[in-house]
């Protein structure tokens, strides 16, 4: 059972200085992720894994666009880099890796016009030495829905 989030796509004003990470992100209230699972040690990296389950657009989606979204986006596995909302924000930012963002970008997913619904099911913890320290299954007993 996962954490299900629903968020617009945003662009970070302060770029992530890690190779392979996009400036584009979705967000979730930190009470559901970084606070709940104590993912706040800034010497570690947290990679969140999930699957896109729905794309919502502010304006109507044409039949051709819906077919493209179903072919390339819906049910796509995603890898997101967690930036915990520690001091300055009540939201965690989940930055797309470049491979995922390139597909969303090329299909025409425009920031702040499209909302993604994503099932987040696992966090991988990487230590400061670059070695995997463990992983956490998110909400293994039931679905938790975190929508704005």
C-alpha atoms as a PDB file:
ATOM      1  CA  UNK A   1       0.000   0.000   0.000  1.00  0.00           C
ATOM      2  CA  UNK A   2       1.425   3.391  -0.935  1.00  0.00           C
ATOM      3  CA  UNK A   3       1.356   7.079  -0.226  1.00  0.00           C
ATOM      4  CA  UNK A   4      -0.760   8.648  -2.970  1.00  0.00           C
ATOM      5  CA  UNK A   5       0.042  12.261  -3.758  1.00  0.00           C
ATOM      6  CA  UNK A   6      -1.580  14.736  -6.097  1.00  0.00           C
ATOM      7  CA  UNK A   7       0.467  17.766  -7.100  1.00  0.00           C
ATOM      8  CA  UNK A   8       1.061  20.257  -9.842  1.00  0.00           C
ATOM      9  CA  UNK A   9       4.509  20.196 -11.389  1.00  0.00           C
ATOM     10  CA  UNK A  10       6.731  23.110 -10.345  1.00  0.00           C
ATOM     11  CA  UNK A  11      10.194  24.385 -11.235  1.00  0.00           C
ATOM     12  CA  UNK A  12      12.709  25.014  -8.454  1.00  0.00           C
ATOM     13  CA  UNK A  13      14.178  28.501  -8.286  1.00  0.00           C
ATOM     14  CA  UNK A  14      17.282  27.115  -6.588  1.00  0.00           C
ATOM     15  CA  UNK A  15      18.718  24.352  -8.782  1.00  0.00           C
ATOM     16  CA  UNK A  16      19.687  20.995  -7.312  1.00  0.00           C
ATOM     17  CA  UNK A  17      23.436  20.590  -7.483  1.00  0.00           C
ATOM     18  CA  UNK A  18      23.319  16.837  -8.036  1.00  0.00           C
ATOM     19  CA  UNK A  19      23.933  15.325 -11.441  1.00  0.00           C
ATOM     20  CA  UNK A  20      20.931  13.688 -13.062  1.00  0.00           C
ATOM     21  CA  UNK A  21      18.242  15.587 -11.162  1.00  0.00           C
ATOM     22  CA  UNK A  22      15.765  17.916 -12.848  1.00  0.00           C
ATOM     23  CA  UNK A  23      14.703  21.289 -11.495  1.00  0.00           C
ATOM     24  CA  UNK A  24      11.107  20.106 -12.004  1.00  0.00           C
ATOM     25  CA  UNK A  25       9.283  18.610  -9.038  1.00  0.00           C
ATOM     26  CA  UNK A  26       6.014  17.641  -7.391  1.00  0.00           C
ATOM     27  CA  UNK A  27       5.430  18.260  -3.707  1.00  0.00           C
ATOM     28  CA  UNK A  28       3.712  16.747  -0.694  1.00  0.00           C
ATOM     29  CA  UNK A  29       3.052  18.012   2.817  1.00  0.00           C
ATOM     30  CA  UNK A  30       6.090  16.952   4.841  1.00  0.00           C
ATOM     31  CA  UNK A  31       3.898  15.442   7.568  1.00  0.00           C
ATOM     32  CA  UNK A  32       3.197  12.527   5.173  1.00  0.00           C
ATOM     33  CA  UNK A  33       6.780  11.786   4.126  1.00  0.00           C
ATOM     34  CA  UNK A  34       9.920  13.351   5.624  1.00  0.00           C
ATOM     35  CA  UNK A  35       8.435  13.947   9.083  1.00  0.00           C
ATOM     36  CA  UNK A  36       6.521  10.666   9.238  1.00  0.00           C
ATOM     37  CA  UNK A  37       9.564   8.591   8.230  1.00  0.00           C
ATOM     38  CA  UNK A  38      12.284  10.820   9.735  1.00  0.00           C
ATOM     39  CA  UNK A  39      13.920  11.543   6.373  1.00  0.00           C
ATOM     40  CA  UNK A  40      15.658  14.702   7.512  1.00  0.00           C
ATOM     41  CA  UNK A  41      19.380  13.865   7.699  1.00  0.00           C
ATOM     42  CA  UNK A  42      20.864  16.172   5.058  1.00  0.00           C
ATOM     43  CA  UNK A  43      24.058  14.113   4.868  1.00  0.00           C
ATOM     44  CA  UNK A  44      22.001  11.357   3.196  1.00  0.00           C
ATOM     45  CA  UNK A  45      20.165  11.095  -0.103  1.00  0.00           C
ATOM     46  CA  UNK A  46      16.611   9.868  -0.268  1.00  0.00           C
ATOM     47  CA  UNK A  47      15.285   8.423  -3.530  1.00  0.00           C
ATOM     48  CA  UNK A  48      11.541   7.864  -3.651  1.00  0.00           C
ATOM     49  CA  UNK A  49      10.054   5.344  -6.072  1.00  0.00           C
ATOM     50  CA  UNK A  50       6.534   5.387  -7.392  1.00  0.00           C
ATOM     51  CA  UNK A  51       4.197   5.121 -10.332  1.00  0.00           C
ATOM     52  CA  UNK A  52       2.146   7.803 -12.092  1.00  0.00           C
ATOM     53  CA  UNK A  53      -1.514   6.786 -11.916  1.00  0.00           C
ATOM     54  CA  UNK A  54      -3.280   9.849 -13.315  1.00  0.00           C
ATOM     55  CA  UNK A  55      -2.647  13.092 -15.204  1.00  0.00           C
ATOM     56  CA  UNK A  56      -5.021  15.992 -14.599  1.00  0.00           C
ATOM     57  CA  UNK A  57      -5.022  19.120 -16.743  1.00  0.00           C
ATOM     58  CA  UNK A  58      -6.596  22.485 -15.959  1.00  0.00           C
ATOM     59  CA  UNK A  59      -8.283  22.479 -19.379  1.00  0.00           C
ATOM     60  CA  UNK A  60      -9.951  19.551 -21.154  1.00  0.00           C
ATOM     61  CA  UNK A  61      -7.680  16.786 -22.480  1.00  0.00           C
ATOM     62  CA  UNK A  62      -8.249  15.887 -26.137  1.00  0.00           C
ATOM     63  CA  UNK A  63      -8.644  12.270 -27.212  1.00  0.00           C
ATOM     64  CA  UNK A  64      -5.231  12.335 -28.967  1.00  0.00           C
ATOM     65  CA  UNK A  65      -3.547  13.740 -25.872  1.00  0.00           C
ATOM     66  CA  UNK A  66      -5.260  11.152 -23.666  1.00  0.00           C
ATOM     67  CA  UNK A  67      -3.934   8.352 -25.886  1.00  0.00           C
ATOM     68  CA  UNK A  68      -0.385   9.742 -25.642  1.00  0.00           C
ATOM     69  CA  UNK A  69      -0.651  10.077 -21.868  1.00  0.00           C
ATOM     70  CA  UNK A  70      -1.898   6.511 -21.561  1.00  0.00           C
ATOM     71  CA  UNK A  71       0.895   5.227 -23.795  1.00  0.00           C
ATOM     72  CA  UNK A  72       3.834   7.154 -22.291  1.00  0.00           C
ATOM     73  CA  UNK A  73       2.900   8.519 -18.866  1.00  0.00           C
ATOM     74  CA  UNK A  74       0.137   6.606 -17.053  1.00  0.00           C
ATOM     75  CA  UNK A  75       1.617   3.663 -15.108  1.00  0.00           C
ATOM     76  CA  UNK A  76       5.162   4.934 -15.695  1.00  0.00           C
ATOM     77  CA  UNK A  77       7.563   4.135 -12.892  1.00  0.00           C
ATOM     78  CA  UNK A  78       9.240   7.262 -11.494  1.00  0.00           C
ATOM     79  CA  UNK A  79      12.354   7.918  -9.453  1.00  0.00           C
ATOM     80  CA  UNK A  80      12.239  11.117  -7.401  1.00  0.00           C
ATOM     81  CA  UNK A  81      14.928  12.853  -5.359  1.00  0.00           C
ATOM     82  CA  UNK A  82      13.569  14.018  -2.002  1.00  0.00           C
ATOM     83  CA  UNK A  83      14.378  17.516  -0.763  1.00  0.00           C
ATOM     84  CA  UNK A  84      12.868  17.573   2.738  1.00  0.00           C
ATOM     85  CA  UNK A  85      10.909  20.673   3.708  1.00  0.00           C
ATOM     86  CA  UNK A  86      12.925  21.316   6.825  1.00  0.00           C
ATOM     87  CA  UNK A  87      13.144  24.950   7.844  1.00  0.00           C
ATOM     88  CA  UNK A  88      11.697  27.005   5.036  1.00  0.00           C
ATOM     89  CA  UNK A  89       8.739  24.974   3.859  1.00  0.00           C
ATOM     90  CA  UNK A  90       5.944  22.761   5.063  1.00  0.00           C
ATOM     91  CA  UNK A  91       6.256  20.748   1.845  1.00  0.00           C
ATOM     92  CA  UNK A  92       8.751  18.142   0.697  1.00  0.00           C
ATOM     93  CA  UNK A  93       9.904  18.555  -2.886  1.00  0.00           C
ATOM     94  CA  UNK A  94      10.210  15.425  -5.022  1.00  0.00           C
ATOM     95  CA  UNK A  95      12.454  16.211  -7.990  1.00  0.00           C
ATOM     96  CA  UNK A  96      12.224  14.070 -11.099  1.00  0.00           C
ATOM     97  CA  UNK A  97      15.349  12.351 -12.282  1.00  0.00           C
ATOM     98  CA  UNK A  98      16.360  13.550 -15.753  1.00  0.00           C
ATOM     99  CA  UNK A  99      15.224  10.347 -17.492  1.00  0.00           C
ATOM    100  CA  UNK A 100      11.683  10.678 -16.139  1.00  0.00           C
ATOM    101  CA  UNK A 101      11.477  14.424 -16.729  1.00  0.00           C
ATOM    102  CA  UNK A 102      12.659  14.114 -20.346  1.00  0.00           C
ATOM    103  CA  UNK A 103       9.646  11.902 -21.133  1.00  0.00           C
ATOM    104  CA  UNK A 104       7.191  14.207 -19.354  1.00  0.00           C
ATOM    105  CA  UNK A 105       8.770  17.248 -21.023  1.00  0.00           C
ATOM    106  CA  UNK A 106       8.718  15.743 -24.503  1.00  0.00           C
ATOM    107  CA  UNK A 107       5.097  14.595 -24.223  1.00  0.00           C
ATOM    108  CA  UNK A 108       4.171  18.210 -23.388  1.00  0.00           C
ATOM    109  CA  UNK A 109       3.497  18.120 -19.646  1.00  0.00           C
ATOM    110  CA  UNK A 110       3.703  21.812 -18.753  1.00  0.00           C
ATOM    111  CA  UNK A 111       4.452  22.969 -15.210  1.00  0.00           C
ATOM    112  CA  UNK A 112       1.592  24.461 -13.235  1.00  0.00           C
ATOM    113  CA  UNK A 113      -0.905  23.359 -15.938  1.00  0.00           C
ATOM    114  CA  UNK A 114      -0.785  19.656 -15.216  1.00  0.00           C
ATOM    115  CA  UNK A 115      -1.263  17.814 -11.967  1.00  0.00           C
ATOM    116  CA  UNK A 116       0.105  14.320 -11.443  1.00  0.00           C
ATOM    117  CA  UNK A 117      -1.305  11.704  -9.138  1.00  0.00           C
ATOM    118  CA  UNK A 118       1.532   9.406  -8.061  1.00  0.00           C
ATOM    119  CA  UNK A 119       1.651   6.300  -5.877  1.00  0.00           C
ATOM    120  CA  UNK A 120       4.850   6.444  -3.825  1.00  0.00           C
ATOM    121  CA  UNK A 121       5.775   3.041  -2.467  1.00  0.00           C
ATOM    122  CA  UNK A 122       9.438   2.998  -1.436  1.00  0.00           C
ATOM    123  CA  UNK A 123      12.302   5.206  -0.215  1.00  0.00           C
ATOM    124  CA  UNK A 124      15.915   4.220  -0.796  1.00  0.00           C
ATOM    125  CA  UNK A 125      18.424   5.740   1.640  1.00  0.00           C
ATOM    126  CA  UNK A 126      21.953   6.460   0.398  1.00  0.00           C
ATOM    127  CA  UNK A 127      24.647   7.356   2.918  1.00  0.00           C
ATOM    128  CA  UNK A 128      27.188  10.166   2.545  1.00  0.00           C
ATOM    129  CA  UNK A 129      29.665   7.553   1.274  1.00  0.00           C
ATOM    130  CA  UNK A 130      27.352   6.755  -1.661  1.00  0.00           C
ATOM    131  CA  UNK A 131      26.451   3.307  -0.332  1.00  0.00           C
ATOM    132  CA  UNK A 132      22.835   2.202   0.060  1.00  0.00           C
ATOM    133  CA  UNK A 133      21.972   2.102   3.763  1.00  0.00           C
ATOM    134  CA  UNK A 134      18.480   0.688   3.423  1.00  0.00           C
ATOM    135  CA  UNK A 135      15.001   1.169   2.145  1.00  0.00           C
ATOM    136  CA  UNK A 136      11.600   1.841   3.612  1.00  0.00           C
ATOM    137  CA  UNK A 137       8.258   0.653   2.261  1.00  0.00           C
ATOM    138  CA  UNK A 138       5.833   3.547   2.581  1.00  0.00           C
ATOM    139  CA  UNK A 139       2.593   2.874   4.446  1.00  0.00           C
ATOM    140  CA  UNK A 140       2.694  -0.909   3.910  1.00  0.00           C
ATOM    141  CA  UNK A 141      -0.680  -1.610   5.543  1.00  0.00           C
ATOM    142  CA  UNK A 142      -3.016   0.827   3.799  1.00  0.00           C
ATOM    143  CA  UNK A 143      -3.228   3.581   1.200  1.00  0.00           C
ATOM    144  CA  UNK A 144      -2.654   7.076   2.530  1.00  0.00           C
ATOM    145  CA  UNK A 145      -3.940   9.917   0.365  1.00  0.00           C
ATOM    146  CA  UNK A 146      -2.187  13.285   0.585  1.00  0.00           C
ATOM    147  CA  UNK A 147      -3.919  15.836  -1.610  1.00  0.00           C
ATOM    148  CA  UNK A 148      -3.835  19.608  -1.504  1.00  0.00           C
END
